[in-house]
Amino acid sequence: WLKPSRPKRWLLSSHSPRSQQPAVIMAQQFYDAEFKESHVVKTVKDVEADKFITAFAQHLKRQGRFEIPKWADVVKTSKAKELPPNDPDWLYTRTASMVRKVYIRGGTGVGGFRKVYGGQFRRGTCTNVFCKSSGKIARYILQQLEEMGLVEQDENGGRKITKEGQRELDTVAVQAAEVEEEDEE
């Protein structure tokens, strides 16, 4: 009935990342480091995403202009989730991630963010299907960012970054890059 499975050729090929020699990896690191030395950080796009998101989340928390709703500690982020997030500051992190996405690609609305933050809905013995995330959370965050003056509604739909928002995000990006450089030294 069952044929013995043959090894897949693509698993054994020399082009897979697992088979790279340490010398090649070291050469890539030196090559990347060479360009990072003369690199001056000016915008959000120049900073790694995780560094910027943590820095901007801390910035939002310190400022105190972003209101945390009562439901933030009990709400699930999607119907595919079983529990709310473990991190008590998850709303700041999600906000920083969303404002970065609006900065990089304007015109994204609530529906786009529902798709971005969606995930696999595990249905027991049935196959997994894609499930969008909560629209209420995305809508609330975008409304708060509008009140803060960081984003505005785009005439073509969705949201776009304002001049003040761009200035504030770039300032935080430069500060995050400075902290990153101090950690490396």
N, C-alpha and C. Protein backbone atom coordinates (compact mmCIF):
# COMPACT_ATOMS: atom_id res chain seq x y z
N TRP A 1 0.81 -1.19 0.00
CA TRP A 1 0.00 0.00 0.00
C TRP A 1 0.86 1.26 0.00
N LEU A 2 1.71 1.36 0.98
CA LEU A 2 2.52 2.57 1.10
C LEU A 2 3.90 2.34 0.55
N LYS A 3 4.34 3.25 -0.30
CA LYS A 3 5.70 3.18 -0.83
C LYS A 3 6.65 3.85 0.15
N PRO A 4 7.85 3.32 0.26
CA PRO A 4 8.82 4.02 1.12
C PRO A 4 9.14 5.38 0.51
N SER A 5 9.14 6.40 1.32
CA SER A 5 9.35 7.75 0.79
C SER A 5 10.83 7.95 0.46
N ARG A 6 11.06 8.59 -0.66
CA ARG A 6 12.43 8.91 -1.07
C ARG A 6 12.83 10.25 -0.48
N PRO A 7 14.09 10.44 -0.22
CA PRO A 7 14.51 11.76 0.29
C PRO A 7 14.29 12.82 -0.79
N LYS A 8 13.84 13.95 -0.36
CA LYS A 8 13.59 15.05 -1.30
C LYS A 8 14.92 15.65 -1.72
N ARG A 9 15.04 15.92 -3.02
CA ARG A 9 16.29 16.47 -3.53
C ARG A 9 16.56 17.85 -2.98
N TRP A 10 15.51 18.65 -2.85
CA TRP A 10 15.72 20.02 -2.40
C TRP A 10 16.17 20.08 -0.96
N LEU A 11 15.91 19.02 -0.18
CA LEU A 11 16.39 19.00 1.19
C LEU A 11 17.89 18.73 1.25
N LEU A 12 18.39 18.02 0.26
CA LEU A 12 19.79 17.64 0.25
C LEU A 12 20.65 18.57 -0.58
N SER A 13 20.06 19.59 -1.19
CA SER A 13 20.82 20.44 -2.09
C SER A 13 21.81 21.29 -1.32
N SER A 14 22.83 21.73 -2.02
CA SER A 14 23.87 22.54 -1.38
C SER A 14 23.45 24.00 -1.26
N HIS A 15 22.27 24.35 -1.76
CA HIS A 15 21.83 25.74 -1.73
C HIS A 15 21.01 26.06 -0.49
N SER A 16 20.75 25.09 0.35
CA SER A 16 19.96 25.36 1.54
C SER A 16 20.80 26.15 2.54
N PRO A 17 20.15 27.00 3.35
CA PRO A 17 20.91 27.82 4.29
C PRO A 17 21.64 27.03 5.36
N ARG A 18 21.19 25.81 5.65
CA ARG A 18 21.84 25.01 6.67
C ARG A 18 23.22 24.55 6.26
N SER A 19 23.44 24.46 4.94
CA SER A 19 24.71 23.93 4.48
C SER A 19 25.76 25.01 4.26
N GLN A 20 25.47 26.28 4.58
CA GLN A 20 26.46 27.33 4.39
C GLN A 20 27.61 27.14 5.37
N GLN A 21 28.80 27.32 4.87
CA GLN A 21 29.97 27.18 5.71
C GLN A 21 30.08 28.38 6.64
N PRO A 22 30.70 28.19 7.79
CA PRO A 22 30.88 29.31 8.72
C PRO A 22 31.64 30.48 8.11
N ALA A 23 32.55 30.19 7.17
CA ALA A 23 33.32 31.26 6.54
C ALA A 23 32.41 32.19 5.75
N VAL A 24 31.42 31.63 5.07
CA VAL A 24 30.48 32.44 4.28
C VAL A 24 29.64 33.31 5.21
N ILE A 25 29.20 32.74 6.31
CA ILE A 25 28.39 33.49 7.27
C ILE A 25 29.22 34.62 7.88
N MET A 26 30.47 34.34 8.21
CA MET A 26 31.34 35.38 8.78
C MET A 26 31.59 36.48 7.77
N ALA A 27 31.76 36.12 6.50
CA ALA A 27 31.99 37.12 5.47
C ALA A 27 30.76 38.03 5.33
N GLN A 28 29.57 37.44 5.42
CA GLN A 28 28.36 38.25 5.34
C GLN A 28 28.26 39.21 6.52
N GLN A 29 28.63 38.75 7.71
CA GLN A 29 28.59 39.62 8.89
C GLN A 29 29.55 40.79 8.75
N PHE A 30 30.77 40.54 8.27
CA PHE A 30 31.73 41.62 8.08
C PHE A 30 31.25 42.59 7.00
N TYR A 31 30.65 42.05 5.95
CA TYR A 31 30.13 42.88 4.86
C TYR A 31 29.02 43.80 5.38
N ASP A 32 28.10 43.24 6.18
CA ASP A 32 27.02 44.04 6.75
C ASP A 32 27.57 45.07 7.73
N ALA A 33 28.54 44.69 8.54
CA ALA A 33 29.10 45.61 9.52
C ALA A 33 29.81 46.78 8.84
N GLU A 34 30.41 46.53 7.68
CA GLU A 34 31.11 47.59 6.95
C GLU A 34 30.14 48.70 6.54
N PHE A 35 28.95 48.33 6.12
CA PHE A 35 27.99 49.33 5.68
C PHE A 35 27.26 49.98 6.85
N LYS A 36 27.17 49.28 7.98
CA LYS A 36 26.51 49.87 9.14
C LYS A 36 27.36 50.94 9.81
N GLU A 37 28.68 50.92 9.60
CA GLU A 37 29.55 51.90 10.24
C GLU A 37 29.27 53.31 9.74
N SER A 38 29.13 53.47 8.44
CA SER A 38 28.92 54.80 7.88
C SER A 38 27.43 55.14 7.74
N HIS A 39 26.56 54.28 8.23
CA HIS A 39 25.12 54.46 8.08
C HIS A 39 24.59 55.43 9.14
N VAL A 40 23.93 56.50 8.70
CA VAL A 40 23.36 57.48 9.62
C VAL A 40 21.85 57.25 9.66
N VAL A 41 21.31 57.09 10.85
CA VAL A 41 19.88 56.84 11.01
C VAL A 41 19.13 58.17 10.99
N LYS A 42 18.17 58.28 10.07
CA LYS A 42 17.38 59.49 9.98
C LYS A 42 15.89 59.22 10.06
N THR A 43 15.45 58.03 9.62
CA THR A 43 14.02 57.74 9.58
C THR A 43 13.73 56.39 10.22
N VAL A 44 12.44 56.07 10.29
CA VAL A 44 11.99 54.80 10.86
C VAL A 44 12.49 53.63 10.02
N LYS A 45 12.61 53.83 8.73
CA LYS A 45 13.02 52.74 7.84
C LYS A 45 14.47 52.33 8.05
N ASP A 46 15.26 53.18 8.70
CA ASP A 46 16.67 52.87 8.93
C ASP A 46 16.90 52.02 10.17
N VAL A 47 15.87 51.84 11.01
CA VAL A 47 16.01 51.10 12.26
C VAL A 47 15.30 49.75 12.11
N GLU A 48 15.85 48.73 12.76
CA GLU A 48 15.20 47.42 12.73
C GLU A 48 13.83 47.52 13.41
N ALA A 49 12.90 46.73 12.91
CA ALA A 49 11.50 46.84 13.35
C ALA A 49 11.34 46.58 14.84
N ASP A 50 11.96 45.52 15.35
CA ASP A 50 11.75 45.18 16.77
C ASP A 50 12.33 46.24 17.70
N LYS A 51 13.47 46.83 17.31
CA LYS A 51 14.06 47.89 18.13
C LYS A 51 13.16 49.12 18.16
N PHE A 52 12.64 49.49 16.99
CA PHE A 52 11.78 50.68 16.94
C PHE A 52 10.49 50.45 17.70
N ILE A 53 9.89 49.29 17.54
CA ILE A 53 8.60 49.02 18.18
C ILE A 53 8.73 49.07 19.70
N THR A 54 9.78 48.47 20.25
CA THR A 54 9.94 48.52 21.70
C THR A 54 10.22 49.94 22.17
N ALA A 55 11.01 50.70 21.40
CA ALA A 55 11.32 52.08 21.78
C ALA A 55 10.08 52.96 21.73
N PHE A 56 9.26 52.80 20.68
CA PHE A 56 8.08 53.65 20.55
C PHE A 56 7.00 53.26 21.56
N ALA A 57 6.93 51.98 21.90
CA ALA A 57 5.98 51.55 22.93
C ALA A 57 6.34 52.18 24.28
N GLN A 58 7.64 52.21 24.60
CA GLN A 58 8.08 52.86 25.82
C GLN A 58 7.81 54.36 25.78
N HIS A 59 7.99 54.96 24.61
CA HIS A 59 7.72 56.39 24.43
C HIS A 59 6.24 56.69 24.68
N LEU A 60 5.36 55.87 24.13
CA LEU A 60 3.92 56.05 24.34
C LEU A 60 3.56 55.91 25.81
N LYS A 61 4.15 54.94 26.47
CA LYS A 61 3.84 54.69 27.87
C LYS A 61 4.31 55.87 28.74
N ARG A 62 5.51 56.40 28.44
CA ARG A 62 6.05 57.51 29.20
C ARG A 62 5.23 58.79 29.00
N GLN A 63 4.76 59.00 27.77
CA GLN A 63 4.01 60.22 27.46
C GLN A 63 2.69 60.28 28.21
N GLY A 64 1.97 59.18 28.25
CA GLY A 64 0.70 59.15 28.95
C GLY A 64 -0.47 59.70 28.17
N ARG A 65 -0.29 60.03 26.89
CA ARG A 65 -1.40 60.56 26.08
C ARG A 65 -2.30 59.44 25.56
N PHE A 66 -1.76 58.22 25.48
CA PHE A 66 -2.52 57.09 24.96
C PHE A 66 -3.35 56.48 26.08
N GLU A 67 -4.67 56.48 25.93
CA GLU A 67 -5.56 55.96 26.97
C GLU A 67 -5.73 54.45 26.82
N ILE A 68 -5.54 53.73 27.91
CA ILE A 68 -5.77 52.29 27.93
C ILE A 68 -7.21 52.06 28.36
N PRO A 69 -8.02 51.37 27.56
CA PRO A 69 -9.42 51.15 27.92
C PRO A 69 -9.56 50.10 29.03
N LYS A 70 -10.75 50.03 29.62
CA LYS A 70 -11.00 49.08 30.71
C LYS A 70 -10.93 47.63 30.22
N TRP A 71 -11.32 47.42 28.98
CA TRP A 71 -11.39 46.06 28.44
C TRP A 71 -10.04 45.52 28.00
N ALA A 72 -8.97 46.27 28.10
CA ALA A 72 -7.68 45.87 27.54
C ALA A 72 -7.11 44.61 28.20
N ASP A 73 -7.42 44.38 29.49
CA ASP A 73 -6.82 43.22 30.16
C ASP A 73 -7.62 41.94 29.98
N VAL A 74 -8.82 42.02 29.43
CA VAL A 74 -9.64 40.81 29.28
C VAL A 74 -9.93 40.45 27.82
N VAL A 75 -9.66 41.35 26.89
CA VAL A 75 -10.06 41.12 25.50
C VAL A 75 -9.06 40.19 24.79
N LYS A 76 -9.58 39.33 23.91
CA LYS A 76 -8.74 38.51 23.05
C LYS A 76 -8.42 39.33 21.80
N THR A 77 -7.29 39.06 21.18
CA THR A 77 -6.91 39.81 19.99
C THR A 77 -7.53 39.24 18.72
N SER A 78 -8.12 38.06 18.80
CA SER A 78 -8.75 37.43 17.65
C SER A 78 -9.68 36.33 18.15
N LYS A 79 -10.64 35.96 17.32
CA LYS A 79 -11.51 34.85 17.72
C LYS A 79 -10.76 33.52 17.67
N ALA A 80 -9.59 33.51 17.01
CA ALA A 80 -8.78 32.30 16.94
C ALA A 80 -7.96 32.09 18.20
N LYS A 81 -7.89 33.09 19.07
CA LYS A 81 -7.11 32.98 20.29
C LYS A 81 -7.98 32.44 21.43
N GLU A 82 -7.35 31.77 22.38
CA GLU A 82 -8.07 31.25 23.53
C GLU A 82 -7.99 32.19 24.72
N LEU A 83 -6.86 32.91 24.86
CA LEU A 83 -6.63 33.77 26.02
C LEU A 83 -6.20 35.16 25.58
N PRO A 84 -6.36 36.15 26.45
CA PRO A 84 -5.82 37.48 26.14
C PRO A 84 -4.30 37.46 26.21
N PRO A 85 -3.63 38.49 25.68
CA PRO A 85 -2.16 38.51 25.72
C PRO A 85 -1.62 38.50 27.14
N ASN A 86 -0.46 37.88 27.34
CA ASN A 86 0.18 37.81 28.66
C ASN A 86 0.81 39.13 29.07
N ASP A 87 1.35 39.87 28.08
CA ASP A 87 2.05 41.12 28.37
C ASP A 87 1.04 42.19 28.79
N PRO A 88 1.21 42.83 29.94
CA PRO A 88 0.26 43.87 30.35
C PRO A 88 0.34 45.12 29.46
N ASP A 89 1.47 45.32 28.77
CA ASP A 89 1.64 46.48 27.89
C ASP A 89 1.45 46.12 26.43
N TRP A 90 0.65 45.09 26.15
CA TRP A 90 0.50 44.62 24.78
C TRP A 90 -0.14 45.68 23.88
N LEU A 91 -0.98 46.54 24.42
CA LEU A 91 -1.65 47.54 23.60
C LEU A 91 -0.66 48.60 23.12
N TYR A 92 0.32 48.94 23.94
CA TYR A 92 1.37 49.88 23.50
C TYR A 92 2.20 49.26 22.37
N THR A 93 2.50 47.98 22.51
CA THR A 93 3.30 47.30 21.49
C THR A 93 2.54 47.22 20.17
N ARG A 94 1.26 46.87 20.24
CA ARG A 94 0.43 46.80 19.03
C ARG A 94 0.31 48.18 18.39
N THR A 95 0.17 49.21 19.21
CA THR A 95 0.06 50.57 18.68
C THR A 95 1.34 50.98 17.97
N ALA A 96 2.49 50.68 18.57
CA ALA A 96 3.76 51.01 17.94
C ALA A 96 3.93 50.27 16.62
N SER A 97 3.52 49.02 16.59
CA SER A 97 3.61 48.23 15.37
C SER A 97 2.70 48.81 14.28
N MET A 98 1.49 49.20 14.68
CA MET A 98 0.54 49.73 13.70
C MET A 98 0.98 51.09 13.16
N VAL A 99 1.49 51.96 14.04
CA VAL A 99 1.91 53.28 13.56
C VAL A 99 3.13 53.15 12.65
N ARG A 100 3.97 52.15 12.90
CA ARG A 100 5.10 51.90 12.00
C ARG A 100 4.62 51.45 10.63
N LYS A 101 3.60 50.59 10.63
CA LYS A 101 3.06 50.11 9.35
C LYS A 101 2.40 51.25 8.57
N VAL A 102 1.72 52.16 9.27
CA VAL A 102 1.11 53.32 8.60
C VAL A 102 2.20 54.22 8.05
N TYR A 103 3.29 54.38 8.79
CA TYR A 103 4.41 55.20 8.34
C TYR A 103 5.00 54.64 7.05
N ILE A 104 5.25 53.33 7.04
CA ILE A 104 5.91 52.71 5.90
C ILE A 104 4.98 52.62 4.69
N ARG A 105 3.73 52.30 4.92
CA ARG A 105 2.78 52.13 3.82
C ARG A 105 1.45 52.75 4.21
N GLY A 106 1.27 53.99 3.81
CA GLY A 106 0.04 54.71 4.13
C GLY A 106 -1.15 54.14 3.37
N GLY A 107 -2.34 54.50 3.82
CA GLY A 107 -3.55 54.03 3.16
C GLY A 107 -4.08 52.73 3.72
N THR A 108 -3.48 52.23 4.78
CA THR A 108 -3.95 51.00 5.40
C THR A 108 -5.05 51.33 6.39
N GLY A 109 -6.15 50.60 6.32
CA GLY A 109 -7.28 50.83 7.19
C GLY A 109 -7.49 49.70 8.16
N VAL A 110 -8.67 49.70 8.78
CA VAL A 110 -8.99 48.69 9.79
C VAL A 110 -8.99 47.30 9.18
N GLY A 111 -9.58 47.15 8.00
CA GLY A 111 -9.63 45.83 7.34
C GLY A 111 -8.25 45.30 7.00
N GLY A 112 -7.37 46.17 6.57
CA GLY A 112 -5.99 45.76 6.27
C GLY A 112 -5.27 45.29 7.52
N PHE A 113 -5.47 46.01 8.63
CA PHE A 113 -4.83 45.61 9.88
C PHE A 113 -5.43 44.33 10.43
N ARG A 114 -6.71 44.10 10.18
CA ARG A 114 -7.31 42.83 10.61
C ARG A 114 -6.63 41.66 9.90
N LYS A 115 -6.31 41.86 8.62
CA LYS A 115 -5.63 40.81 7.87
C LYS A 115 -4.20 40.62 8.34
N VAL A 116 -3.50 41.73 8.59
CA VAL A 116 -2.09 41.67 8.99
C VAL A 116 -1.93 40.94 10.31
N TYR A 117 -2.79 41.23 11.28
CA TYR A 117 -2.66 40.65 12.61
C TYR A 117 -3.48 39.38 12.79
N GLY A 118 -4.09 38.90 11.73
CA GLY A 118 -4.84 37.65 11.79
C GLY A 118 -3.90 36.46 11.84
N GLY A 119 -4.48 35.28 12.01
CA GLY A 119 -3.66 34.07 12.08
C GLY A 119 -4.47 32.83 11.83
N GLN A 120 -3.90 31.68 12.13
CA GLN A 120 -4.55 30.41 11.89
C GLN A 120 -5.61 30.13 12.95
N PHE A 121 -6.79 29.78 12.48
CA PHE A 121 -7.87 29.38 13.37
C PHE A 121 -7.86 27.87 13.43
N ARG A 122 -7.52 27.32 14.58
CA ARG A 122 -7.43 25.86 14.74
C ARG A 122 -8.81 25.34 15.10
N ARG A 123 -9.33 24.47 14.25
CA ARG A 123 -10.71 24.01 14.42
C ARG A 123 -10.79 22.56 14.87
N GLY A 124 -9.91 22.15 15.72
CA GLY A 124 -9.95 20.78 16.20
C GLY A 124 -9.47 19.81 15.15
N THR A 125 -10.33 18.86 14.77
CA THR A 125 -9.92 17.85 13.79
C THR A 125 -10.02 18.37 12.36
N CYS A 126 -10.70 19.47 12.14
CA CYS A 126 -10.78 20.07 10.80
C CYS A 126 -9.47 20.77 10.47
N THR A 127 -9.30 21.10 9.21
CA THR A 127 -8.09 21.79 8.81
C THR A 127 -8.09 23.22 9.33
N ASN A 128 -6.90 23.76 9.55
CA ASN A 128 -6.77 25.14 10.00
C ASN A 128 -7.16 26.08 8.86
N VAL A 129 -7.81 27.19 9.19
CA VAL A 129 -8.15 28.20 8.20
C VAL A 129 -7.68 29.56 8.73
N PHE A 130 -7.52 30.50 7.81
CA PHE A 130 -7.11 31.84 8.21
C PHE A 130 -8.28 32.56 8.86
N CYS A 131 -7.98 33.35 9.88
CA CYS A 131 -9.00 34.09 10.61
C CYS A 131 -8.47 35.50 10.85
N LYS A 132 -9.28 36.50 10.57
CA LYS A 132 -8.86 37.88 10.81
C LYS A 132 -8.84 38.18 12.31
N SER A 133 -8.10 39.22 12.67
CA SER A 133 -8.03 39.61 14.07
C SER A 133 -9.19 40.55 14.40
N SER A 134 -9.20 41.03 15.62
CA SER A 134 -10.28 41.88 16.09
C SER A 134 -10.25 43.25 15.41
N GLY A 135 -11.39 43.70 14.93
CA GLY A 135 -11.48 45.02 14.31
C GLY A 135 -11.59 46.12 15.34
N LYS A 136 -12.17 45.82 16.49
CA LYS A 136 -12.35 46.81 17.55
C LYS A 136 -11.01 47.33 18.03
N ILE A 137 -10.04 46.44 18.21
CA ILE A 137 -8.72 46.84 18.70
C ILE A 137 -8.04 47.74 17.67
N ALA A 138 -8.06 47.35 16.41
CA ALA A 138 -7.43 48.15 15.36
C ALA A 138 -8.11 49.51 15.24
N ARG A 139 -9.42 49.53 15.28
CA ARG A 139 -10.17 50.78 15.19
C ARG A 139 -9.86 51.70 16.36
N TYR A 140 -9.82 51.13 17.56
CA TYR A 140 -9.55 51.92 18.76
C TYR A 140 -8.15 52.54 18.70
N ILE A 141 -7.17 51.75 18.29
CA ILE A 141 -5.79 52.25 18.21
C ILE A 141 -5.69 53.36 17.19
N LEU A 142 -6.30 53.18 16.02
CA LEU A 142 -6.24 54.22 14.99
C LEU A 142 -6.94 55.50 15.45
N GLN A 143 -8.05 55.36 16.16
CA GLN A 143 -8.74 56.55 16.68
C GLN A 143 -7.89 57.27 17.72
N GLN A 144 -7.20 56.52 18.57
CA GLN A 144 -6.32 57.13 19.56
C GLN A 144 -5.15 57.85 18.88
N LEU A 145 -4.60 57.23 17.85
CA LEU A 145 -3.50 57.86 17.12
C LEU A 145 -3.96 59.13 16.41
N GLU A 146 -5.21 59.13 15.93
CA GLU A 146 -5.76 60.34 15.33
C GLU A 146 -5.91 61.45 16.36
N GLU A 147 -6.40 61.12 17.56
CA GLU A 147 -6.54 62.11 18.62
C GLU A 147 -5.18 62.68 19.03
N MET A 148 -4.15 61.85 18.99
CA MET A 148 -2.81 62.31 19.33
C MET A 148 -2.19 63.13 18.22
N GLY A 149 -2.76 63.08 17.02
CA GLY A 149 -2.25 63.84 15.90
C GLY A 149 -1.15 63.15 15.12
N LEU A 150 -0.99 61.85 15.31
CA LEU A 150 0.07 61.12 14.60
C LEU A 150 -0.39 60.63 13.23
N VAL A 151 -1.65 60.25 13.10
CA VAL A 151 -2.19 59.80 11.82
C VAL A 151 -3.45 60.59 11.50
N GLU A 152 -3.83 60.57 10.22
CA GLU A 152 -5.07 61.21 9.78
C GLU A 152 -5.71 60.32 8.73
N GLN A 153 -6.99 60.59 8.46
CA GLN A 153 -7.69 59.79 7.46
C GLN A 153 -7.22 60.19 6.07
N ASP A 154 -7.00 59.20 5.23
CA ASP A 154 -6.58 59.42 3.86
C ASP A 154 -7.81 59.62 2.99
N GLU A 155 -7.71 60.48 1.99
CA GLU A 155 -8.88 60.71 1.13
C GLU A 155 -9.21 59.50 0.27
N ASN A 156 -8.24 58.62 0.05
CA ASN A 156 -8.48 57.41 -0.72
C ASN A 156 -8.86 56.23 0.15
N GLY A 157 -9.08 56.46 1.44
CA GLY A 157 -9.42 55.38 2.36
C GLY A 157 -8.22 55.00 3.20
N GLY A 158 -8.49 54.55 4.39
CA GLY A 158 -7.41 54.15 5.28
C GLY A 158 -6.85 55.34 6.03
N ARG A 159 -5.66 55.17 6.58
CA ARG A 159 -5.00 56.22 7.35
C ARG A 159 -3.63 56.50 6.76
N LYS A 160 -3.15 57.73 6.98
CA LYS A 160 -1.80 58.09 6.59
C LYS A 160 -1.17 58.89 7.72
N ILE A 161 0.15 58.96 7.69
CA ILE A 161 0.89 59.63 8.75
C ILE A 161 0.84 61.14 8.53
N THR A 162 0.78 61.91 9.61
CA THR A 162 0.81 63.37 9.50
C THR A 162 2.26 63.84 9.58
N LYS A 163 2.47 65.12 9.30
CA LYS A 163 3.82 65.68 9.38
C LYS A 163 4.34 65.62 10.82
N GLU A 164 3.47 65.94 11.79
CA GLU A 164 3.88 65.89 13.19
C GLU A 164 4.19 64.45 13.60
N GLY A 165 3.37 63.52 13.11
CA GLY A 165 3.59 62.11 13.40
C GLY A 165 4.90 61.62 12.83
N GLN A 166 5.20 62.03 11.60
CA GLN A 166 6.45 61.63 10.96
C GLN A 166 7.64 62.18 11.74
N ARG A 167 7.53 63.43 12.20
CA ARG A 167 8.61 64.04 12.97
C ARG A 167 8.83 63.28 14.28
N GLU A 168 7.74 62.95 14.97
CA GLU A 168 7.85 62.26 16.25
C GLU A 168 8.42 60.85 16.08
N LEU A 169 7.95 60.12 15.06
CA LEU A 169 8.44 58.77 14.82
C LEU A 169 9.91 58.77 14.43
N ASP A 170 10.33 59.73 13.60
CA ASP A 170 11.74 59.81 13.22
C ASP A 170 12.62 60.13 14.42
N THR A 171 12.12 60.98 15.32
CA THR A 171 12.88 61.32 16.53
C THR A 171 13.08 60.07 17.39
N VAL A 172 12.02 59.30 17.57
CA VAL A 172 12.12 58.07 18.36
C VAL A 172 13.04 57.07 17.68
N ALA A 173 13.01 57.02 16.34
CA ALA A 173 13.87 56.09 15.60
C ALA A 173 15.34 56.44 15.81
N VAL A 174 15.68 57.73 15.78
CA VAL A 174 17.07 58.13 16.00
C VAL A 174 17.50 57.79 17.42
N GLN A 175 16.61 58.01 18.40
CA GLN A 175 16.93 57.68 19.78
C GLN A 175 17.11 56.17 19.95
N ALA A 176 16.27 55.38 19.28
CA ALA A 176 16.39 53.92 19.37
C ALA A 176 17.71 53.46 18.77
N ALA A 177 18.14 54.09 17.68
CA ALA A 177 19.41 53.71 17.06
C ALA A 177 20.59 54.08 17.97
N GLU A 178 20.49 55.22 18.68
CA GLU A 178 21.55 55.61 19.60
C GLU A 178 21.67 54.62 20.75
N VAL A 179 20.53 54.19 21.28
CA VAL A 179 20.54 53.19 22.35
C VAL A 179 21.13 51.89 21.86
N GLU A 180 20.81 51.52 20.63
CA GLU A 180 21.34 50.28 20.04
C GLU A 180 22.86 50.36 19.91
N GLU A 181 23.37 51.52 19.48
CA GLU A 181 24.82 51.67 19.34
C GLU A 181 25.51 51.61 20.69
N GLU A 182 24.89 52.18 21.74
CA GLU A 182 25.49 52.14 23.07
C GLU A 182 25.53 50.70 23.58
N ASP A 183 24.50 49.90 23.26
CA ASP A 183 24.49 48.51 23.69
C ASP A 183 25.57 47.70 23.02
N GLU A 184 25.89 48.02 21.77
CA GLU A 184 26.91 47.28 21.04
C GLU A 184 28.30 47.56 21.60
N GLU A 185 28.52 48.78 22.09
CA GLU A 185 29.85 49.16 22.59
C GLU A 185 30.07 48.63 23.95
